[in-house]
Amino acid sequence: MRGMSQPSAARGDRWTFLTNHARVLIALARDPDARGRDVADLIGITERAVQLIVADLEAAGYLTRTRVGRRNRYTVDPTVALRHPAEAGHPVGDLLATFLHREDGPAADAGRASF
């Protein structure tokens, strides 16, 4: 198509749809007992970045951290609204359901009302 600009090689192949905050939240929703080190390895960020993101998510009410022995267990509140004004009418649970249910497959989705 003429007139359409092409993404530059410098940035066109690097962007993604989800932020690291979303990736950390999805990872902890999948595995509430995951260690920060494991989440960091999965996402490709530092363990310190995961700690900062978890603190942000806790402060905003998306996550609750409970100490279990020497480890943490995370609970996601799926009712908290997404932060951007364009998505504020949707709870974070809608986003999580998209990723968590897809992993289970259609048969698992049929009998499940919520995650």
N, C-alpha and C. Protein backbone atom coordinates (compact mmCIF):
# COMPACT_ATOMS: atom_id res chain seq x y z
N MET A 1 0.84 -1.17 0.00
CA MET A 1 0.00 0.00 0.00
C MET A 1 0.88 1.24 0.00
N ARG A 2 0.60 2.11 -0.88
CA ARG A 2 1.34 3.36 -0.95
C ARG A 2 0.91 4.28 0.18
N GLY A 3 1.83 5.06 0.65
CA GLY A 3 1.53 6.05 1.68
C GLY A 3 1.58 5.48 3.10
N MET A 4 1.60 4.19 3.23
CA MET A 4 1.68 3.59 4.56
C MET A 4 3.14 3.52 4.96
N SER A 5 3.45 4.02 6.12
CA SER A 5 4.84 3.96 6.56
C SER A 5 5.15 2.57 7.10
N GLN A 6 6.33 2.13 6.89
CA GLN A 6 6.79 0.85 7.38
C GLN A 6 7.50 1.06 8.71
N PRO A 7 7.35 0.13 9.64
CA PRO A 7 8.07 0.28 10.92
C PRO A 7 9.56 0.22 10.67
N SER A 8 10.27 1.03 11.41
CA SER A 8 11.73 1.01 11.27
C SER A 8 12.26 -0.28 11.87
N ALA A 9 13.34 -0.76 11.31
CA ALA A 9 13.95 -1.99 11.83
C ALA A 9 14.39 -1.80 13.27
N ALA A 10 14.71 -0.57 13.64
CA ALA A 10 15.19 -0.30 14.99
C ALA A 10 14.11 -0.50 16.05
N ARG A 11 12.85 -0.26 15.70
CA ARG A 11 11.80 -0.40 16.71
C ARG A 11 10.66 -1.31 16.27
N GLY A 12 10.51 -1.55 15.00
CA GLY A 12 9.38 -2.29 14.47
C GLY A 12 9.30 -3.74 14.90
N ASP A 13 10.41 -4.35 15.21
CA ASP A 13 10.38 -5.76 15.59
C ASP A 13 10.57 -5.97 17.09
N ARG A 14 10.52 -4.92 17.85
CA ARG A 14 10.78 -5.02 19.29
C ARG A 14 9.56 -4.84 20.17
N TRP A 15 8.50 -4.24 19.69
CA TRP A 15 7.37 -3.92 20.57
C TRP A 15 6.50 -5.15 20.79
N THR A 16 5.76 -5.14 21.90
CA THR A 16 4.83 -6.21 22.23
C THR A 16 3.54 -5.59 22.75
N PHE A 17 2.49 -6.37 22.83
CA PHE A 17 1.20 -5.86 23.28
C PHE A 17 1.09 -5.73 24.79
N LEU A 18 1.78 -6.56 25.53
CA LEU A 18 1.63 -6.56 26.98
C LEU A 18 2.82 -5.90 27.66
N THR A 19 2.54 -5.22 28.74
CA THR A 19 3.61 -4.62 29.55
C THR A 19 4.19 -5.68 30.48
N ASN A 20 5.31 -5.37 31.07
CA ASN A 20 5.89 -6.28 32.06
C ASN A 20 4.99 -6.41 33.28
N HIS A 21 4.24 -5.36 33.61
CA HIS A 21 3.29 -5.46 34.72
C HIS A 21 2.24 -6.53 34.42
N ALA A 22 1.72 -6.54 33.22
CA ALA A 22 0.73 -7.55 32.84
C ALA A 22 1.36 -8.94 32.85
N ARG A 23 2.58 -9.05 32.37
CA ARG A 23 3.25 -10.36 32.34
C ARG A 23 3.48 -10.90 33.74
N VAL A 24 3.91 -10.04 34.66
CA VAL A 24 4.13 -10.48 36.05
C VAL A 24 2.80 -10.92 36.67
N LEU A 25 1.76 -10.14 36.45
CA LEU A 25 0.46 -10.48 37.01
C LEU A 25 -0.04 -11.81 36.46
N ILE A 26 0.10 -12.03 35.17
CA ILE A 26 -0.32 -13.30 34.56
C ILE A 26 0.50 -14.46 35.12
N ALA A 27 1.80 -14.25 35.25
CA ALA A 27 2.68 -15.32 35.78
C ALA A 27 2.28 -15.69 37.20
N LEU A 28 1.96 -14.70 38.03
CA LEU A 28 1.59 -14.98 39.41
C LEU A 28 0.18 -15.54 39.52
N ALA A 29 -0.68 -15.20 38.58
CA ALA A 29 -2.02 -15.80 38.56
C ALA A 29 -1.92 -17.28 38.18
N ARG A 30 -0.99 -17.60 37.28
CA ARG A 30 -0.77 -19.00 36.88
C ARG A 30 -0.16 -19.81 38.01
N ASP A 31 0.80 -19.20 38.72
CA ASP A 31 1.54 -19.91 39.77
C ASP A 31 1.70 -18.98 40.97
N PRO A 32 0.73 -18.99 41.89
CA PRO A 32 0.76 -18.08 43.04
C PRO A 32 1.96 -18.27 43.96
N ASP A 33 2.65 -19.40 43.84
CA ASP A 33 3.81 -19.67 44.68
C ASP A 33 5.13 -19.41 43.97
N ALA A 34 5.08 -18.84 42.78
CA ALA A 34 6.30 -18.61 41.99
C ALA A 34 7.25 -17.67 42.72
N ARG A 35 8.54 -17.97 42.59
CA ARG A 35 9.57 -17.09 43.15
C ARG A 35 9.84 -15.97 42.17
N GLY A 36 10.25 -14.82 42.69
CA GLY A 36 10.59 -13.69 41.84
C GLY A 36 11.63 -14.04 40.79
N ARG A 37 12.58 -14.85 41.18
CA ARG A 37 13.64 -15.29 40.26
C ARG A 37 13.05 -16.06 39.08
N ASP A 38 12.07 -16.93 39.37
CA ASP A 38 11.45 -17.72 38.31
C ASP A 38 10.61 -16.84 37.38
N VAL A 39 9.88 -15.89 37.95
CA VAL A 39 9.09 -14.96 37.14
C VAL A 39 10.02 -14.12 36.27
N ALA A 40 11.12 -13.67 36.83
CA ALA A 40 12.09 -12.87 36.07
C ALA A 40 12.63 -13.66 34.89
N ASP A 41 13.00 -14.90 35.12
CA ASP A 41 13.52 -15.76 34.05
C ASP A 41 12.47 -15.98 32.96
N LEU A 42 11.25 -16.21 33.37
CA LEU A 42 10.15 -16.45 32.43
C LEU A 42 9.91 -15.25 31.52
N ILE A 43 9.93 -14.06 32.12
CA ILE A 43 9.59 -12.85 31.38
C ILE A 43 10.79 -12.25 30.66
N GLY A 44 11.97 -12.48 31.22
CA GLY A 44 13.17 -11.91 30.62
C GLY A 44 13.53 -10.54 31.16
N ILE A 45 13.22 -10.35 32.46
CA ILE A 45 13.60 -9.11 33.15
C ILE A 45 14.37 -9.49 34.41
N THR A 46 14.87 -8.50 35.12
CA THR A 46 15.64 -8.79 36.33
C THR A 46 14.71 -9.11 37.50
N GLU A 47 15.27 -9.79 38.48
CA GLU A 47 14.52 -10.10 39.68
C GLU A 47 14.12 -8.81 40.41
N ARG A 48 15.00 -7.82 40.38
CA ARG A 48 14.69 -6.53 41.00
C ARG A 48 13.51 -5.86 40.30
N ALA A 49 13.45 -5.96 38.98
CA ALA A 49 12.32 -5.39 38.23
C ALA A 49 11.02 -6.09 38.64
N VAL A 50 11.07 -7.40 38.83
CA VAL A 50 9.89 -8.13 39.28
C VAL A 50 9.47 -7.63 40.66
N GLN A 51 10.42 -7.43 41.57
CA GLN A 51 10.10 -6.94 42.90
C GLN A 51 9.40 -5.58 42.85
N LEU A 52 9.90 -4.69 42.00
CA LEU A 52 9.30 -3.36 41.86
C LEU A 52 7.89 -3.46 41.27
N ILE A 53 7.72 -4.32 40.29
CA ILE A 53 6.40 -4.50 39.68
C ILE A 53 5.42 -5.10 40.67
N VAL A 54 5.86 -6.09 41.44
CA VAL A 54 4.99 -6.69 42.47
C VAL A 54 4.58 -5.62 43.47
N ALA A 55 5.50 -4.76 43.87
CA ALA A 55 5.17 -3.68 44.79
C ALA A 55 4.12 -2.74 44.18
N ASP A 56 4.27 -2.41 42.90
CA ASP A 56 3.28 -1.58 42.21
C ASP A 56 1.91 -2.26 42.19
N LEU A 57 1.89 -3.54 41.85
CA LEU A 57 0.64 -4.28 41.76
C LEU A 57 -0.03 -4.41 43.12
N GLU A 58 0.77 -4.58 44.16
CA GLU A 58 0.22 -4.64 45.53
C GLU A 58 -0.36 -3.29 45.93
N ALA A 59 0.38 -2.23 45.68
CA ALA A 59 -0.07 -0.89 46.06
C ALA A 59 -1.37 -0.52 45.35
N ALA A 60 -1.55 -1.01 44.13
CA ALA A 60 -2.76 -0.71 43.36
C ALA A 60 -3.91 -1.66 43.68
N GLY A 61 -3.66 -2.69 44.52
CA GLY A 61 -4.72 -3.60 44.93
C GLY A 61 -4.93 -4.82 44.05
N TYR A 62 -4.08 -5.00 43.04
CA TYR A 62 -4.22 -6.16 42.16
C TYR A 62 -3.73 -7.45 42.81
N LEU A 63 -2.72 -7.34 43.66
CA LEU A 63 -2.10 -8.50 44.30
C LEU A 63 -2.10 -8.33 45.81
N THR A 64 -2.18 -9.47 46.48
CA THR A 64 -1.95 -9.53 47.92
C THR A 64 -0.86 -10.58 48.13
N ARG A 65 0.13 -10.22 48.92
CA ARG A 65 1.24 -11.13 49.21
C ARG A 65 1.06 -11.66 50.62
N THR A 66 1.13 -12.98 50.75
CA THR A 66 1.03 -13.63 52.05
C THR A 66 2.30 -14.43 52.26
N ARG A 67 2.88 -14.28 53.41
CA ARG A 67 4.10 -15.03 53.74
C ARG A 67 3.71 -16.44 54.17
N VAL A 68 4.31 -17.44 53.54
CA VAL A 68 4.10 -18.85 53.88
C VAL A 68 5.48 -19.44 54.13
N GLY A 69 5.83 -19.54 55.40
CA GLY A 69 7.19 -19.98 55.73
C GLY A 69 8.20 -18.95 55.25
N ARG A 70 9.12 -19.38 54.42
CA ARG A 70 10.14 -18.47 53.89
C ARG A 70 9.78 -17.97 52.49
N ARG A 71 8.62 -18.33 52.01
CA ARG A 71 8.19 -17.98 50.65
C ARG A 71 6.99 -17.06 50.68
N ASN A 72 6.67 -16.51 49.53
CA ASN A 72 5.47 -15.69 49.36
C ASN A 72 4.45 -16.44 48.53
N ARG A 73 3.20 -16.20 48.84
CA ARG A 73 2.08 -16.69 48.02
C ARG A 73 1.29 -15.45 47.61
N TYR A 74 0.93 -15.40 46.33
CA TYR A 74 0.26 -14.24 45.79
C TYR A 74 -1.18 -14.57 45.44
N THR A 75 -2.07 -13.64 45.77
CA THR A 75 -3.48 -13.76 45.43
C THR A 75 -3.85 -12.56 44.57
N VAL A 76 -4.47 -12.82 43.43
CA VAL A 76 -4.89 -11.76 42.53
C VAL A 76 -6.35 -11.42 42.82
N ASP A 77 -6.66 -10.14 42.86
CA ASP A 77 -8.05 -9.69 42.98
C ASP A 77 -8.56 -9.40 41.58
N PRO A 78 -9.35 -10.29 40.99
CA PRO A 78 -9.78 -10.11 39.60
C PRO A 78 -10.82 -9.01 39.41
N THR A 79 -11.30 -8.40 40.50
CA THR A 79 -12.34 -7.38 40.39
C THR A 79 -11.80 -5.96 40.23
N VAL A 80 -10.50 -5.77 40.43
CA VAL A 80 -9.92 -4.43 40.33
C VAL A 80 -9.91 -4.01 38.86
N ALA A 81 -10.34 -2.78 38.60
CA ALA A 81 -10.43 -2.27 37.24
C ALA A 81 -9.05 -2.03 36.64
N LEU A 82 -8.97 -2.18 35.33
CA LEU A 82 -7.74 -1.83 34.62
C LEU A 82 -7.48 -0.34 34.78
N ARG A 83 -6.23 0.07 34.69
CA ARG A 83 -5.84 1.43 35.06
C ARG A 83 -6.06 2.49 33.99
N HIS A 84 -5.87 2.16 32.75
CA HIS A 84 -5.99 3.17 31.70
C HIS A 84 -7.45 3.56 31.52
N PRO A 85 -7.74 4.86 31.37
CA PRO A 85 -9.14 5.29 31.22
C PRO A 85 -9.90 4.58 30.09
N ALA A 86 -9.21 4.21 29.03
CA ALA A 86 -9.88 3.53 27.92
C ALA A 86 -10.35 2.13 28.28
N GLU A 87 -9.72 1.50 29.28
CA GLU A 87 -10.10 0.15 29.70
C GLU A 87 -10.67 0.10 31.11
N ALA A 88 -10.88 1.25 31.73
CA ALA A 88 -11.26 1.30 33.14
C ALA A 88 -12.59 0.62 33.44
N GLY A 89 -13.40 0.38 32.43
CA GLY A 89 -14.67 -0.31 32.65
C GLY A 89 -14.53 -1.82 32.72
N HIS A 90 -13.31 -2.32 32.58
CA HIS A 90 -13.07 -3.76 32.59
C HIS A 90 -12.23 -4.16 33.79
N PRO A 91 -12.61 -5.22 34.49
CA PRO A 91 -11.77 -5.70 35.58
C PRO A 91 -10.56 -6.46 35.04
N VAL A 92 -9.50 -6.51 35.79
CA VAL A 92 -8.29 -7.21 35.39
C VAL A 92 -8.57 -8.70 35.17
N GLY A 93 -9.60 -9.20 35.81
CA GLY A 93 -9.98 -10.60 35.63
C GLY A 93 -10.30 -10.92 34.17
N ASP A 94 -10.83 -9.96 33.42
CA ASP A 94 -11.11 -10.18 32.00
C ASP A 94 -9.81 -10.45 31.24
N LEU A 95 -8.79 -9.67 31.53
CA LEU A 95 -7.49 -9.86 30.89
C LEU A 95 -6.89 -11.21 31.28
N LEU A 96 -6.92 -11.52 32.56
CA LEU A 96 -6.36 -12.79 33.02
C LEU A 96 -7.10 -13.98 32.43
N ALA A 97 -8.40 -13.89 32.34
CA ALA A 97 -9.19 -14.99 31.80
C ALA A 97 -8.78 -15.31 30.37
N THR A 98 -8.45 -14.29 29.61
CA THR A 98 -8.02 -14.50 28.23
C THR A 98 -6.80 -15.40 28.16
N PHE A 99 -5.86 -15.19 29.06
CA PHE A 99 -4.62 -15.97 29.02
C PHE A 99 -4.71 -17.27 29.81
N LEU A 100 -5.34 -17.25 30.94
CA LEU A 100 -5.38 -18.45 31.77
C LEU A 100 -6.31 -19.50 31.20
N HIS A 101 -7.45 -19.13 30.67
CA HIS A 101 -8.38 -20.09 30.11
C HIS A 101 -7.87 -20.68 28.82
N ARG A 102 -7.21 -19.91 28.02
CA ARG A 102 -6.69 -20.39 26.74
C ARG A 102 -5.71 -21.54 26.98
N GLU A 103 -4.96 -21.49 28.04
CA GLU A 103 -4.00 -22.55 28.36
C GLU A 103 -4.70 -23.85 28.70
N ASP A 104 -5.89 -23.75 29.32
CA ASP A 104 -6.61 -24.94 29.73
C ASP A 104 -7.32 -25.61 28.56
N GLY A 105 -7.65 -24.86 27.53
CA GLY A 105 -8.34 -25.41 26.37
C GLY A 105 -9.85 -25.28 26.48
N PRO A 106 -10.56 -25.46 25.37
CA PRO A 106 -12.00 -25.26 25.33
C PRO A 106 -12.79 -26.18 26.27
N ALA A 107 -12.36 -27.40 26.44
CA ALA A 107 -13.11 -28.33 27.30
C ALA A 107 -13.13 -27.85 28.74
N ALA A 108 -12.01 -27.32 29.21
CA ALA A 108 -11.93 -26.83 30.58
C ALA A 108 -12.77 -25.57 30.75
N ASP A 109 -12.84 -24.74 29.70
CA ASP A 109 -13.60 -23.49 29.77
C ASP A 109 -15.10 -23.73 29.92
N ALA A 110 -15.60 -24.79 29.32
CA ALA A 110 -17.04 -25.03 29.26
C ALA A 110 -17.66 -25.13 30.65
N GLY A 111 -16.97 -25.72 31.60
CA GLY A 111 -17.54 -25.90 32.92
C GLY A 111 -17.09 -24.87 33.94
N ARG A 112 -16.43 -23.84 33.50
CA ARG A 112 -15.86 -22.89 34.43
C ARG A 112 -16.54 -21.54 34.30
N ALA A 113 -17.04 -21.00 35.41
CA ALA A 113 -17.69 -19.69 35.38
C ALA A 113 -16.69 -18.57 35.60
N SER A 114 -15.67 -18.82 36.41
CA SER A 114 -14.66 -17.80 36.68
C SER A 114 -13.34 -18.49 36.94
N PHE A 115 -12.30 -17.71 37.07
CA PHE A 115 -10.99 -18.31 37.31
C PHE A 115 -10.65 -18.17 38.76
